[in-house]
Structure formats: C-alpha cells, structure tokens
Amino acid sequence: MVQEIETCEDLVAQIDELGVEATVRAHRKPPLLTRILRDLYDLYHDQDRYLSFLAHYPLIPSDLAEQIASSLDPEKVDIAIGLAGNPRCPQQSLQRLTQHPQVAVRHALAANPNLTPKEFQTLVTDENEFVRATLAQNSALPNPLQFLLADDASSAVRIALSERKNLDTDVAVHLANSDDSLVSAATILNFSSDEELLQLWADQNKQHQQLLLLRRNKALPAPVSAALRTSPHAFVSRTALKGSELSGPEMLYLAESEDTRDRIFLAEQADLPASIQRLLAQDTSPRVRRRLAGNHAIHEAIALHIAASNDLNAIRTLAKNRATSDATLSELCQHPDDDIALLVAYRDDLASDHYDLLINHRESLVVAEHLAYQEINYDRFSEKVAQQLAIHPAPSVRAFVARSAQLTEALKNTLSKDPSPQVRRQLASNPSLSEHLLRSLFNDSDRKVVFAAEENFAQRIRKQQREQTQTDAPQPEPKPEQTTSKAERPRKGALFNKIANFFND
C-alpha cells in the first residue's frame, strides 16, 4: 500500500523508494497538495530526480511548470519530455519547447492535446518525420493543418494522418487517391466518419479500393456490401459473395458468367439448388465439373449423372468426395475403369454390398487384389472369383480368399499345403473346412496354423453342444389364457435364449 504523503519529506522518501514513474501513477487520485509540490521544488530544485517528478506529474500548478521550464538546461532531456507532455504546462512553455534541440522532446510535445494552433503550426513543419507523424494523430490538430500533412513528403506522416478518428472527409478522399498504395490502403481501411464516402469508394468501381473495403474489420453498411457484390471486377464480387448466402439471381448470374472462375466459385458453394447444379454438371469447363463433383453438398441425382458421364477427372473427384452417397458409390464400383474403382476401394466407409460389386462383379481382379492387400474382413466371394484368387501367385491374395465357403474341396486341399503360413492360417479358420482337412492342419509346422485349426474345431464342438442342449430341453406346456401380449412374447424368449447361450459358452 502506498504511504500517505503529508510532507515534502514523505514525498522525497517515496520517490527514492518507488521511482519517479511509479510515484506519479500512485498520486493521480487523490492529487498531492500544492503546498507539498512547491516545497519539493523550493528544497530540491537543484536535483534532477525530483525536478523530473514535478515535470511528469500531471497535476502540477501551471506557474510551477513555467518556473521549471524557464530555467531548464537543454541537456536535461527527461525533464523536458515530462513538461512537453504535461497537460498543465502553460502555452509559453510549450512554445519554447517547440524549438528544443532534442527530437524526443518535440516528439512528446506533438502528442500533447493542449497545444494551441501556434504550436501546431510550428510543429507541422518540423524537420523530423516522426514528430510530424505523431502530430498527425493528435486529436486537437486543426482541420486546415490536416490538409498540409496530407501532402507531406513522408508516407509515415500521411499514414498516421489516415488513422485519425476525426479525419476530415475531403482529406480522406485526397489520401485514398494517393499514388502511394500504403497511404491509400490505410485510409480506406481505417476511415469510419462518413458512410457516404464508403459508398463512393464502392461505386467508383476501382478494384483496389473495393478490395480494401472488403478487408475492413468493421462490417460494411448494407448498400456498400450490395455494391461490392455486383462489382464488374469478378474477383471483387466473388470475394464479397464468399461466405454469405447467395440469392437466386446471383447464382444464375454466376452460372452463366463467361468467366470460368465465377462458375468455379459457384460450384464450390454449399446448398446449391439441384437446378443450378445441373447447369454446372453440363458446364463446358472440366474445372467447373470437377469442383462440383468435389462439393460435399452435391445432390445424389447430379452425382449419379456425373458417375455415368465420360468425364474421368470429375468422376475421380466424385470417388474421393467424402459426402458421395451409397447409391453413387455403387455406380462407381461398376465403372469400367479400374482406376476409378480403386479410388472407391480405398475408402473407409464402404458397405458389404460395395465390396461385393468391387470383388465379384468386375471383369478384372485388379480391385480384388488391392482389397486383399488391405486385409479387409470379407468372405462373400462368388465361386468364380474364389477359384481365380485361390491360384493367384501372391500369398496375400490367396490368404484373402482362404476363408471363403465357395472354394472347392480340391482347392481347399491345395491351400492346406500352401507354402505360405499366412494362407494356411486363414484356411484353418474357414468355417466350411471339412473335419478331415481341419484335423490334418493340427500337424502343421506353423504353431499359429495349429492354434487357428484347434480354435476352429473347438468352436464347432461348442456349437454342436448348444444345438444338442436346445434339442434335448423339454418343451414347456402352454399356459391357458396368457395375458401377455403377442408383442411381449418374442422379447422374453429372446432374452431367455441370450442368457442360456451365455452360460453355455
């Protein structure tokens, strides 16, 4: 807690303990007594540390500030900086400081809102651009001087001027038309005093000004946004439309635009009506059709249209689209181009019917081979495919089909002697394997094959035991006039069977 100041000596002790800056902050409210401040000056005017406190203290009496400034050594820069920024510093002292040889002092002075037009007039021609830039942002700068700074040779000064909250409208127009792109950009990005000027920049159809309007942090007025959405510059209009809901006329305009980029932009939008999507699906540009095929909101009818077309690039994009429907994927599974089917085969959202189409209904085995390398769990092979895969030169493919029930006994016998333990291990887990062939695998040289065969055999025994138990169990006599509804009976029976099967297992 800051000690209460009752005497000049208390203030001296606190300055020594906390420093000048902290002591100034500590006594803004309530202010120090004028008597204590005058005593400090009378007793310690020859010590810079305490003079610096007085110069920086914003509630110093004006006559005391003038007394310090009138006899101040130009070398004592810190004290001069404090006076230059002090709101209690009198006008004659401020005027004297405008001629101070140190830039830091004049820089602090330029930010003082209590400057009079005379000090502003002097500083507006200061040789240092940073002084002029600080002056340009001073809230008390007279309007006529804004025009002078608007033509300053330094871009930094003009940019600083453009960031004023009360920038004159005519000055803003002048700065926005500057040949210096940085000055023009800063003005359009920051100006907020007059919505009519924003509308003027939007209506002038100057591309760089319109793009800058779109980069503003604050939301644009509705008329300004509407002007930008209908800009003759395609990039401006697309940027203005991006992220907002398109109207019917806007979508139709983009769909019929001669600029391919407009139609590409439209094809990427979500929630497009089917009528617009149909137009885009028939677009002459393959880039447009491809972007539509990749749209997560593509309608199923449009997707099926693309899938049946000859546009391979669009079809490839459709095959990779995470939102493609199951019906469309089924069509792509039957596409004659193996590359298209392979793109579908490597998706992780396929159903069993899709695998059936990819494996059992294609002329070549290319896709089935790739699925075998992925080691997916599938055993619904057609007889023809099963026979072909069983004699495939790749062990991974033979292992893939070794669990199939469609293998002939001859092929199962051949696979039981396959040189690859991976193949024999999969065959040993085949539920349709004959008991004789299963027992022969008990003597396999690979322990994992033996374990798989034994587990398969054990499962069969447990299944037979469950079936025998259910056959031998006495049938309960029907109870007369059951009050239980028909809808409840299956549930009770199903629950009983689940419990019985659990304990049998």
Protein backbone atom coordinates (compact mmCIF):
# COMPACT_ATOMS: atom_id res chain seq x y z
CA MET A 1 0.00 0.00 0.00
CA VAL A 2 1.33 3.44 -0.94
CA GLN A 3 2.19 5.62 2.06
CA GLU A 4 0.06 8.73 2.55
CA ILE A 5 2.02 11.89 1.78
CA GLU A 6 1.74 14.61 4.39
CA THR A 7 5.04 16.45 3.99
CA CYS A 8 7.62 17.13 1.37
CA GLU A 9 9.97 14.69 3.08
CA ASP A 10 7.36 11.91 2.78
CA LEU A 11 7.22 12.56 -0.96
CA VAL A 12 11.03 12.53 -1.28
CA ALA A 13 11.22 9.22 0.56
CA GLN A 14 8.59 7.68 -1.67
CA ILE A 15 10.26 8.87 -4.87
CA ASP A 16 13.51 7.35 -3.63
CA GLU A 17 11.76 4.08 -2.85
CA LEU A 18 9.41 3.64 -5.84
CA GLY A 19 10.96 5.79 -8.53
CA VAL A 20 9.56 8.72 -10.45
CA GLU A 21 7.12 6.89 -12.75
CA ALA A 22 5.54 4.74 -10.03
CA THR A 23 5.12 7.69 -7.69
CA VAL A 24 3.43 9.72 -10.43
CA ARG A 25 0.96 6.88 -11.04
CA ALA A 26 0.28 6.48 -7.34
CA HIS A 27 -0.86 10.05 -6.77
CA ARG A 28 -3.12 10.90 -9.67
CA LYS A 29 -6.13 10.36 -7.39
CA PRO A 30 -6.31 11.95 -4.92
CA PRO A 31 -3.82 14.62 -6.02
CA LEU A 32 -0.94 15.76 -3.90
CA LEU A 33 -1.30 19.03 -2.04
CA THR A 34 0.07 22.04 -3.90
CA ARG A 35 1.98 23.03 -0.78
CA ILE A 36 3.96 19.79 -0.86
CA LEU A 37 4.80 20.21 -4.56
CA ARG A 38 6.03 23.77 -4.04
CA ASP A 39 8.11 22.70 -1.05
CA LEU A 40 9.66 19.94 -3.14
CA TYR A 41 10.69 22.46 -5.79
CA ASP A 42 11.99 25.02 -3.29
CA LEU A 43 14.11 22.49 -1.43
CA TYR A 44 15.24 20.20 -4.25
CA HIS A 45 15.20 22.28 -7.47
CA ASP A 46 18.89 21.51 -7.92
CA GLN A 47 18.32 17.73 -8.02
CA ASP A 48 17.13 16.33 -11.36
CA ARG A 49 15.36 13.33 -9.84
CA TYR A 50 12.79 15.47 -8.04
CA LEU A 51 12.51 18.01 -10.85
CA SER A 52 11.70 15.09 -13.17
CA PHE A 53 8.88 14.02 -10.84
CA LEU A 54 7.41 17.53 -10.88
CA ALA A 55 7.73 17.77 -14.67
CA HIS A 56 5.91 14.45 -15.20
CA TYR A 57 3.24 14.98 -12.51
CA PRO A 58 0.07 15.91 -14.48
CA LEU A 59 -1.43 17.95 -11.62
CA ILE A 60 1.47 20.31 -11.09
CA PRO A 61 0.49 24.02 -10.80
CA SER A 62 0.96 25.80 -14.13
CA ASP A 63 3.12 28.53 -12.67
CA LEU A 64 5.44 25.92 -11.18
CA ALA A 65 5.70 24.18 -14.57
CA GLU A 66 6.58 27.53 -16.17
CA GLN A 67 9.18 28.21 -13.47
CA ILE A 68 10.84 24.85 -14.21
CA ALA A 69 10.71 25.35 -17.98
CA SER A 70 12.06 28.89 -17.95
CA SER A 71 15.32 27.92 -16.33
CA LEU A 72 15.69 24.42 -17.72
CA ASP A 73 19.05 23.31 -19.10
CA PRO A 74 18.55 21.89 -22.66
CA GLU A 75 20.71 18.93 -21.66
CA LYS A 76 18.13 17.76 -19.12
CA VAL A 77 16.05 15.88 -21.68
CA ASP A 78 13.96 13.73 -19.33
CA ILE A 79 12.64 16.81 -17.50
CA ALA A 80 11.86 18.49 -20.83
CA ILE A 81 9.99 15.42 -22.05
CA GLY A 82 7.88 15.46 -18.89
CA LEU A 83 6.97 19.13 -19.39
CA ALA A 84 6.28 18.63 -23.10
CA GLY A 85 3.63 16.04 -22.39
CA ASN A 86 2.22 17.62 -19.25
CA PRO A 87 -1.35 18.97 -19.63
CA ARG A 88 -0.58 21.68 -17.00
CA CYS A 89 2.37 23.08 -18.90
CA PRO A 90 1.47 26.69 -19.91
CA GLN A 91 1.37 27.87 -23.51
CA GLN A 92 4.54 29.96 -23.32
CA SER A 93 6.48 26.95 -22.08
CA LEU A 94 5.06 24.72 -24.80
CA GLN A 95 6.02 27.30 -27.43
CA ARG A 96 9.55 27.37 -26.04
CA LEU A 97 9.77 23.57 -26.24
CA THR A 98 8.86 23.52 -29.94
CA GLN A 99 12.41 24.74 -30.55
CA HIS A 100 14.04 22.18 -28.30
CA PRO A 101 17.10 20.62 -29.99
CA GLN A 102 16.20 17.08 -28.91
CA VAL A 103 13.77 15.15 -31.15
CA ALA A 104 12.46 13.14 -28.17
CA VAL A 105 11.21 16.32 -26.53
CA ARG A 106 9.47 17.59 -29.66
CA HIS A 107 8.03 14.10 -30.21
CA ALA A 108 6.46 14.15 -26.73
CA LEU A 109 5.23 17.67 -27.33
CA ALA A 110 3.50 16.67 -30.58
CA ALA A 111 1.25 14.27 -28.66
CA ASN A 112 0.11 16.88 -26.13
CA PRO A 113 -3.61 17.60 -26.79
CA ASN A 114 -3.31 21.02 -25.10
CA LEU A 115 -1.23 22.54 -27.86
CA THR A 116 -2.55 25.76 -29.30
CA PRO A 117 -2.75 26.44 -33.06
CA LYS A 118 0.53 28.33 -32.76
CA GLU A 119 2.45 25.25 -31.52
CA PHE A 120 0.70 23.06 -34.10
CA GLN A 121 1.73 25.47 -36.86
CA THR A 122 5.35 25.30 -35.72
CA LEU A 123 5.49 21.52 -35.38
CA VAL A 124 3.73 20.79 -38.68
CA THR A 125 6.93 21.84 -40.43
CA ASP A 126 9.27 20.05 -38.02
CA GLU A 127 12.24 18.50 -39.76
CA ASN A 128 11.67 15.10 -38.13
CA GLU A 129 9.01 12.93 -39.77
CA PHE A 130 8.22 11.06 -36.56
CA VAL A 131 7.37 14.32 -34.84
CA ARG A 132 5.06 15.22 -37.73
CA ALA A 133 3.53 11.70 -37.73
CA THR A 134 2.74 11.99 -34.01
CA LEU A 135 1.30 15.44 -34.60
CA ALA A 136 -0.91 14.00 -37.38
CA GLN A 137 -2.59 11.74 -34.81
CA ASN A 138 -3.07 14.45 -32.19
CA SER A 139 -6.83 14.69 -31.60
CA ALA A 140 -6.65 18.50 -31.31
CA LEU A 141 -4.98 19.06 -34.68
CA PRO A 142 -6.86 21.83 -36.53
CA ASN A 143 -8.53 20.81 -39.80
CA PRO A 144 -6.54 23.20 -42.02
CA LEU A 145 -3.32 21.55 -40.86
CA GLN A 146 -4.71 18.14 -41.83
CA PHE A 147 -4.59 19.34 -45.43
CA LEU A 148 -0.95 20.36 -45.03
CA LEU A 149 0.01 16.97 -43.60
CA ALA A 150 -1.99 15.20 -46.33
CA ASP A 151 0.67 16.37 -48.78
CA ASP A 152 3.60 15.60 -46.51
CA ALA A 153 6.59 14.10 -48.28
CA SER A 154 6.72 11.23 -45.79
CA SER A 155 4.43 8.24 -46.25
CA ALA A 156 4.62 7.59 -42.49
CA VAL A 157 3.09 11.01 -41.80
CA ARG A 158 0.26 10.52 -44.27
CA ILE A 159 -0.45 7.01 -42.99
CA ALA A 160 -0.56 8.33 -39.43
CA LEU A 161 -2.96 11.04 -40.59
CA SER A 162 -5.21 8.46 -42.28
CA GLU A 163 -5.67 6.66 -38.95
CA ARG A 164 -7.31 9.66 -37.26
CA LYS A 165 -10.82 9.02 -35.94
CA ASN A 166 -11.93 12.53 -36.90
CA LEU A 167 -10.21 12.66 -40.27
CA ASP A 168 -11.70 15.33 -42.50
CA THR A 169 -13.75 13.80 -45.33
CA ASP A 170 -12.03 15.83 -48.04
CA VAL A 171 -8.65 14.84 -46.65
CA ALA A 172 -9.76 11.18 -46.68
CA VAL A 173 -10.71 11.45 -50.37
CA HIS A 174 -7.35 13.00 -51.13
CA LEU A 175 -5.41 10.31 -49.26
CA ALA A 176 -7.46 7.47 -50.78
CA ASN A 177 -6.46 8.67 -54.25
CA SER A 178 -2.78 8.81 -53.33
CA ASP A 179 -0.26 7.22 -55.65
CA ASP A 180 1.27 5.61 -52.60
CA SER A 181 -0.62 2.33 -52.22
CA LEU A 182 0.19 2.14 -48.50
CA VAL A 183 -1.36 5.53 -47.83
CA SER A 184 -4.42 4.73 -49.92
CA ALA A 185 -4.86 1.36 -48.20
CA ALA A 186 -4.50 2.80 -44.70
CA THR A 187 -7.12 5.44 -45.43
CA ILE A 188 -9.76 3.10 -46.82
CA LEU A 189 -9.15 0.51 -44.12
CA ASN A 190 -9.44 3.00 -41.25
CA PHE A 191 -11.86 5.71 -42.31
CA SER A 192 -15.20 5.50 -40.49
CA SER A 193 -16.55 9.04 -40.18
CA ASP A 194 -18.81 9.11 -43.20
CA GLU A 195 -20.71 6.14 -44.72
CA GLU A 196 -21.35 8.14 -47.88
CA LEU A 197 -17.63 8.13 -48.62
CA LEU A 198 -17.53 4.35 -48.21
CA GLN A 199 -20.38 4.16 -50.71
CA LEU A 200 -18.45 6.43 -53.08
CA TRP A 201 -15.42 4.14 -52.99
CA ALA A 202 -17.66 1.11 -53.60
CA ASP A 203 -19.44 2.78 -56.54
CA GLN A 204 -16.32 4.09 -58.27
CA ASN A 205 -15.51 0.55 -59.42
CA LYS A 206 -11.80 0.90 -58.72
CA GLN A 207 -10.73 -2.63 -57.99
CA HIS A 208 -8.05 -1.85 -55.38
CA GLN A 209 -10.42 0.40 -53.43
CA GLN A 210 -13.20 -2.16 -53.48
CA LEU A 211 -10.87 -4.91 -52.32
CA LEU A 212 -9.67 -2.72 -49.47
CA LEU A 213 -13.26 -2.12 -48.39
CA LEU A 214 -13.69 -5.88 -48.14
CA ARG A 215 -10.66 -6.08 -45.86
CA ARG A 216 -12.05 -3.68 -43.27
CA ASN A 217 -12.51 -5.09 -39.78
CA LYS A 218 -15.87 -3.42 -39.23
CA ALA A 219 -18.97 -4.66 -41.02
CA LEU A 220 -19.84 -2.64 -44.10
CA PRO A 221 -23.21 -0.91 -44.43
CA ALA A 222 -25.72 -2.95 -46.44
CA PRO A 223 -25.72 -0.62 -49.52
CA VAL A 224 -21.91 -0.77 -49.66
CA SER A 225 -21.94 -4.58 -49.47
CA ALA A 226 -24.58 -4.74 -52.21
CA ALA A 227 -22.44 -2.57 -54.49
CA LEU A 228 -19.43 -4.80 -53.96
CA ARG A 229 -21.42 -7.98 -54.65
CA THR A 230 -22.34 -6.63 -58.09
CA SER A 231 -18.91 -5.21 -58.88
CA PRO A 232 -17.79 -5.51 -62.52
CA HIS A 233 -14.50 -6.88 -61.20
CA ALA A 234 -15.04 -10.62 -60.90
CA PHE A 235 -12.59 -11.12 -58.06
CA VAL A 236 -14.20 -8.34 -56.03
CA SER A 237 -17.71 -9.71 -56.47
CA ARG A 238 -16.61 -13.27 -55.66
CA THR A 239 -14.84 -12.07 -52.52
CA ALA A 240 -17.93 -10.09 -51.47
CA LEU A 241 -20.20 -13.08 -52.08
CA LYS A 242 -17.93 -15.55 -50.32
CA GLY A 243 -19.25 -16.81 -47.01
CA SER A 244 -22.72 -15.34 -47.49
CA GLU A 245 -25.97 -16.82 -48.76
CA LEU A 246 -26.39 -16.31 -52.48
CA SER A 247 -29.68 -15.16 -53.91
CA GLY A 248 -31.28 -16.90 -56.90
CA PRO A 249 -30.37 -14.14 -59.37
CA GLU A 250 -26.79 -14.08 -58.08
CA MET A 251 -26.43 -17.84 -58.57
CA LEU A 252 -27.89 -17.66 -62.06
CA TYR A 253 -25.60 -14.74 -62.95
CA LEU A 254 -22.53 -16.70 -61.81
CA ALA A 255 -23.69 -19.88 -63.55
CA GLU A 256 -24.00 -18.01 -66.87
CA SER A 257 -20.86 -15.91 -66.44
CA GLU A 258 -18.27 -16.09 -69.21
CA ASP A 259 -15.54 -16.04 -66.56
CA THR A 260 -14.72 -19.64 -65.65
CA ARG A 261 -13.58 -18.50 -62.21
CA ASP A 262 -17.10 -17.31 -61.45
CA ARG A 263 -18.57 -20.68 -62.28
CA ILE A 264 -15.86 -22.48 -60.29
CA PHE A 265 -16.66 -20.26 -57.33
CA LEU A 266 -20.34 -21.13 -57.65
CA ALA A 267 -19.64 -24.86 -57.93
CA GLU A 268 -17.88 -24.77 -54.56
CA GLN A 269 -20.81 -23.21 -52.70
CA ALA A 270 -22.89 -25.25 -50.29
CA ASP A 271 -26.67 -25.64 -50.54
CA LEU A 272 -26.87 -25.07 -54.28
CA PRO A 273 -30.29 -25.93 -55.74
CA ALA A 274 -30.41 -29.01 -57.95
CA SER A 275 -31.30 -26.81 -60.94
CA ILE A 276 -28.07 -24.82 -60.58
CA GLN A 277 -26.05 -27.96 -60.00
CA ARG A 278 -27.48 -29.45 -63.18
CA LEU A 279 -26.29 -26.42 -65.15
CA LEU A 280 -22.83 -26.75 -63.65
CA ALA A 281 -22.73 -30.51 -64.30
CA GLN A 282 -23.13 -29.71 -68.01
CA ASP A 283 -20.58 -26.86 -67.96
CA THR A 284 -18.11 -26.75 -70.83
CA SER A 285 -15.18 -26.35 -68.42
CA PRO A 286 -13.86 -29.57 -66.87
CA ARG A 287 -12.60 -27.49 -63.92
CA VAL A 288 -16.15 -26.45 -63.09
CA ARG A 289 -17.46 -30.01 -63.30
CA ARG A 290 -14.60 -31.24 -61.15
CA ARG A 291 -15.27 -28.63 -58.42
CA LEU A 292 -18.94 -29.59 -58.45
CA ALA A 293 -18.03 -33.27 -58.09
CA GLY A 294 -16.00 -32.39 -55.01
CA ASN A 295 -18.80 -30.37 -53.42
CA HIS A 296 -19.92 -32.00 -50.15
CA ALA A 297 -23.47 -30.78 -50.79
CA ILE A 298 -23.83 -32.33 -54.25
CA HIS A 299 -27.28 -33.76 -54.94
CA GLU A 300 -27.43 -37.51 -55.45
CA ALA A 301 -29.13 -37.20 -58.86
CA ILE A 302 -26.35 -34.88 -60.05
CA ALA A 303 -23.68 -37.19 -58.64
CA LEU A 304 -25.22 -40.15 -60.49
CA HIS A 305 -25.24 -38.07 -63.67
CA ILE A 306 -21.51 -37.38 -63.28
CA ALA A 307 -20.79 -41.01 -62.43
CA ALA A 308 -22.43 -42.09 -65.72
CA SER A 309 -20.58 -39.48 -67.80
CA ASN A 310 -17.30 -39.70 -69.69
CA ASP A 311 -15.62 -37.03 -67.55
CA LEU A 312 -12.98 -39.15 -65.82
CA ASN A 313 -11.48 -36.25 -63.86
CA ALA A 314 -14.86 -35.31 -62.38
CA ILE A 315 -15.58 -38.97 -61.65
CA ARG A 316 -12.26 -39.34 -59.83
CA THR A 317 -13.09 -36.31 -57.70
CA LEU A 318 -16.54 -37.74 -57.01
CA ALA A 319 -14.99 -41.03 -55.91
CA LYS A 320 -12.86 -39.14 -53.37
CA ASN A 321 -15.71 -36.92 -52.12
CA ARG A 322 -16.47 -37.92 -48.53
CA ALA A 323 -20.13 -36.96 -49.00
CA THR A 324 -20.78 -39.21 -52.01
CA SER A 325 -23.92 -41.29 -51.38
CA ASP A 326 -24.00 -45.11 -51.19
CA ALA A 327 -26.04 -45.29 -54.40
CA THR A 328 -23.42 -43.25 -56.26
CA LEU A 329 -20.61 -45.35 -54.82
CA SER A 330 -22.38 -48.45 -56.10
CA GLU A 331 -22.34 -46.97 -59.61
CA LEU A 332 -18.65 -46.12 -59.28
CA CYS A 333 -17.87 -49.65 -58.08
CA GLN A 334 -19.07 -50.87 -61.50
CA HIS A 335 -17.18 -48.28 -63.53
CA PRO A 336 -15.19 -50.00 -66.31
CA ASP A 337 -12.04 -48.04 -65.44
CA ASP A 338 -10.12 -49.89 -62.73
CA ASP A 339 -8.53 -46.63 -61.54
CA ILE A 340 -11.96 -45.25 -60.66
CA ALA A 341 -12.95 -48.41 -58.81
CA LEU A 342 -9.65 -48.39 -56.94
CA LEU A 343 -10.35 -44.90 -55.62
CA VAL A 344 -13.59 -46.27 -54.21
CA ALA A 345 -11.90 -49.41 -52.88
CA TYR A 346 -9.59 -47.37 -50.65
CA ARG A 347 -12.43 -45.50 -48.93
CA ASP A 348 -13.14 -46.45 -45.33
CA ASP A 349 -16.91 -46.01 -45.45
CA LEU A 350 -17.90 -48.86 -47.79
CA ALA A 351 -20.70 -51.31 -47.08
CA SER A 352 -20.69 -55.04 -47.76
CA ASP A 353 -22.67 -54.51 -50.97
CA HIS A 354 -19.94 -52.22 -52.29
CA TYR A 355 -17.28 -54.86 -51.63
CA ASP A 356 -19.48 -57.39 -53.41
CA LEU A 357 -19.56 -55.19 -56.51
CA LEU A 358 -15.82 -54.48 -56.37
CA ILE A 359 -14.83 -58.13 -55.93
CA ASN A 360 -17.45 -60.29 -57.58
CA HIS A 361 -18.80 -58.14 -60.42
CA ARG A 362 -15.75 -56.76 -62.19
CA GLU A 363 -14.09 -58.25 -65.24
CA SER A 364 -10.57 -57.94 -63.85
CA LEU A 365 -9.19 -58.92 -60.46
CA VAL A 366 -7.18 -55.70 -60.02
CA VAL A 367 -9.51 -54.21 -57.43
CA ALA A 368 -9.92 -57.52 -55.59
CA GLU A 369 -6.14 -57.80 -55.37
CA HIS A 370 -5.88 -54.34 -53.80
CA LEU A 371 -8.60 -55.20 -51.30
CA ALA A 372 -6.65 -58.33 -50.43
CA TYR A 373 -3.57 -56.21 -49.69
CA GLN A 374 -5.73 -54.07 -47.38
CA GLU A 375 -6.64 -57.27 -45.47
CA ILE A 376 -10.31 -56.38 -45.18
CA ASN A 377 -12.60 -58.88 -43.48
CA TYR A 378 -14.70 -60.25 -46.36
CA ASP A 379 -15.73 -63.80 -47.27
CA ARG A 380 -18.75 -63.50 -49.62
CA PHE A 381 -16.83 -64.40 -52.77
CA SER A 382 -18.58 -65.73 -55.83
CA GLU A 383 -17.47 -69.20 -56.88
CA LYS A 384 -15.75 -67.92 -59.99
CA VAL A 385 -13.77 -65.25 -58.19
CA ALA A 386 -12.89 -67.58 -55.35
CA GLN A 387 -11.38 -70.09 -57.80
CA GLN A 388 -9.34 -67.37 -59.51
CA LEU A 389 -7.99 -65.84 -56.32
CA ALA A 390 -7.13 -69.21 -54.82
CA ILE A 391 -4.49 -69.81 -57.51
CA HIS A 392 -3.15 -66.25 -57.50
CA PRO A 393 0.66 -66.01 -57.33
CA ALA A 394 0.56 -63.50 -54.42
CA PRO A 395 0.26 -65.13 -50.95
CA SER A 396 -1.71 -62.13 -49.66
CA VAL A 397 -4.39 -62.72 -52.27
CA ARG A 398 -4.58 -66.47 -51.61
CA ALA A 399 -4.87 -65.76 -47.87
CA PHE A 400 -7.64 -63.24 -48.61
CA VAL A 401 -9.83 -65.92 -50.20
CA ALA A 402 -8.82 -68.84 -47.96
CA ARG A 403 -11.80 -68.25 -45.61
CA SER A 404 -14.33 -68.42 -48.46
CA ALA A 405 -17.05 -71.08 -48.42
CA GLN A 406 -17.07 -71.09 -52.23
CA LEU A 407 -13.76 -72.92 -52.57
CA THR A 408 -13.90 -76.44 -53.96
CA GLU A 409 -12.56 -79.26 -51.85
CA ALA A 410 -9.69 -79.64 -54.27
CA LEU A 411 -8.67 -76.00 -53.84
CA LYS A 412 -9.02 -76.23 -50.05
CA ASN A 413 -6.78 -79.29 -50.10
CA THR A 414 -4.27 -77.39 -52.26
CA LEU A 415 -4.32 -74.37 -49.95
CA SER A 416 -3.78 -76.61 -46.91
CA LYS A 417 -0.35 -77.38 -48.39
CA ASP A 418 0.34 -73.78 -49.45
CA PRO A 419 3.97 -72.75 -48.84
CA SER A 420 2.79 -69.54 -47.11
CA PRO A 421 1.88 -69.95 -43.40
CA GLN A 422 -0.38 -66.88 -43.82
CA VAL A 423 -2.54 -68.76 -46.31
CA ARG A 424 -2.74 -71.94 -44.22
CA ARG A 425 -3.57 -69.86 -41.12
CA GLN A 426 -6.55 -68.23 -42.87
CA LEU A 427 -7.68 -71.60 -44.24
CA ALA A 428 -7.55 -73.09 -40.73
CA SER A 429 -10.14 -70.50 -39.65
CA ASN A 430 -12.51 -71.32 -42.54
CA PRO A 431 -15.86 -72.41 -41.01
CA SER A 432 -16.66 -74.54 -44.10
CA LEU A 433 -13.47 -76.62 -43.91
CA SER A 434 -14.11 -80.38 -43.68
CA GLU A 435 -13.28 -82.09 -40.40
CA HIS A 436 -10.75 -84.33 -42.10
CA LEU A 437 -8.87 -81.38 -43.61
CA LEU A 438 -9.15 -79.42 -40.38
CA ARG A 439 -7.59 -82.30 -38.38
CA SER A 440 -4.75 -82.52 -40.90
CA LEU A 441 -3.83 -78.94 -40.02
CA PHE A 442 -3.32 -79.96 -36.38
CA ASN A 443 0.07 -81.30 -37.53
CA ASP A 444 1.10 -78.15 -39.42
CA SER A 445 4.66 -76.97 -38.95
CA ASP A 446 3.50 -73.45 -38.05
CA ARG A 447 2.18 -73.14 -34.49
CA LYS A 448 -0.21 -70.29 -35.39
CA VAL A 449 -1.83 -72.53 -38.02
CA VAL A 450 -2.28 -75.27 -35.40
CA PHE A 451 -3.81 -72.81 -32.91
CA ALA A 452 -6.21 -71.50 -35.57
CA ALA A 453 -7.28 -75.02 -36.52
CA GLU A 454 -7.81 -76.00 -32.88
CA GLU A 455 -9.87 -72.89 -32.21
CA ASN A 456 -11.99 -73.59 -35.31
CA PHE A 457 -12.55 -77.17 -34.13
CA ALA A 458 -13.43 -76.02 -30.59
CA GLN A 459 -15.99 -73.59 -31.92
CA ARG A 460 -17.67 -76.38 -33.85
CA ILE A 461 -17.88 -78.56 -30.74
CA ARG A 462 -19.38 -75.74 -28.68
CA LYS A 463 -21.92 -75.09 -31.43
CA GLN A 464 -22.93 -78.76 -31.52
CA GLN A 465 -23.30 -78.80 -27.75
CA ARG A 466 -25.56 -75.76 -27.80
CA GLU A 467 -27.71 -77.28 -30.54
CA GLN A 468 -27.92 -80.59 -28.66
CA THR A 469 -28.88 -78.83 -25.43
CA GLN A 470 -31.65 -76.94 -27.15
CA THR A 471 -32.91 -80.17 -28.79
CA ASP A 472 -32.92 -82.16 -25.53
CA ALA A 473 -34.53 -79.46 -23.42
CA PRO A 474 -38.21 -80.28 -22.54
CA GLN A 475 -40.76 -78.07 -24.21
CA PRO A 476 -42.77 -76.02 -21.67
CA GLU A 477 -46.50 -76.71 -21.61
CA PRO A 478 -48.58 -73.79 -22.85
CA LYS A 479 -50.33 -71.88 -20.10
CA PRO A 480 -54.01 -71.23 -20.57
CA GLU A 481 -55.23 -67.71 -21.20
CA GLN A 482 -51.90 -65.94 -21.21
CA THR A 483 -52.37 -62.24 -20.52
CA THR A 484 -49.06 -61.29 -22.05
CA SER A 485 -49.46 -59.54 -25.36
CA LYS A 486 -48.05 -61.03 -28.57
CA ALA A 487 -45.57 -58.20 -28.84
CA GLU A 488 -44.03 -59.14 -25.46
CA ARG A 489 -43.51 -62.87 -26.10
CA PRO A 490 -40.60 -62.64 -28.52
CA ARG A 491 -38.77 -60.31 -26.22
CA LYS A 492 -39.00 -62.73 -23.31
CA GLY A 493 -37.96 -65.68 -25.43
CA ALA A 494 -35.05 -63.77 -26.95
CA LEU A 495 -33.83 -62.67 -23.54
CA PHE A 496 -34.06 -66.23 -22.19
CA ASN A 497 -32.06 -67.57 -25.15
CA LYS A 498 -29.38 -64.95 -24.69
CA ILE A 499 -28.98 -65.87 -21.00
CA ALA A 500 -28.89 -69.59 -21.78
CA ASN A 501 -26.34 -69.14 -24.57
CA PHE A 502 -24.19 -67.00 -22.30
CA PHE A 503 -23.89 -69.73 -19.68
CA ASN A 504 -23.40 -72.47 -22.30
CA ASP A 505 -20.49 -70.51 -23.72
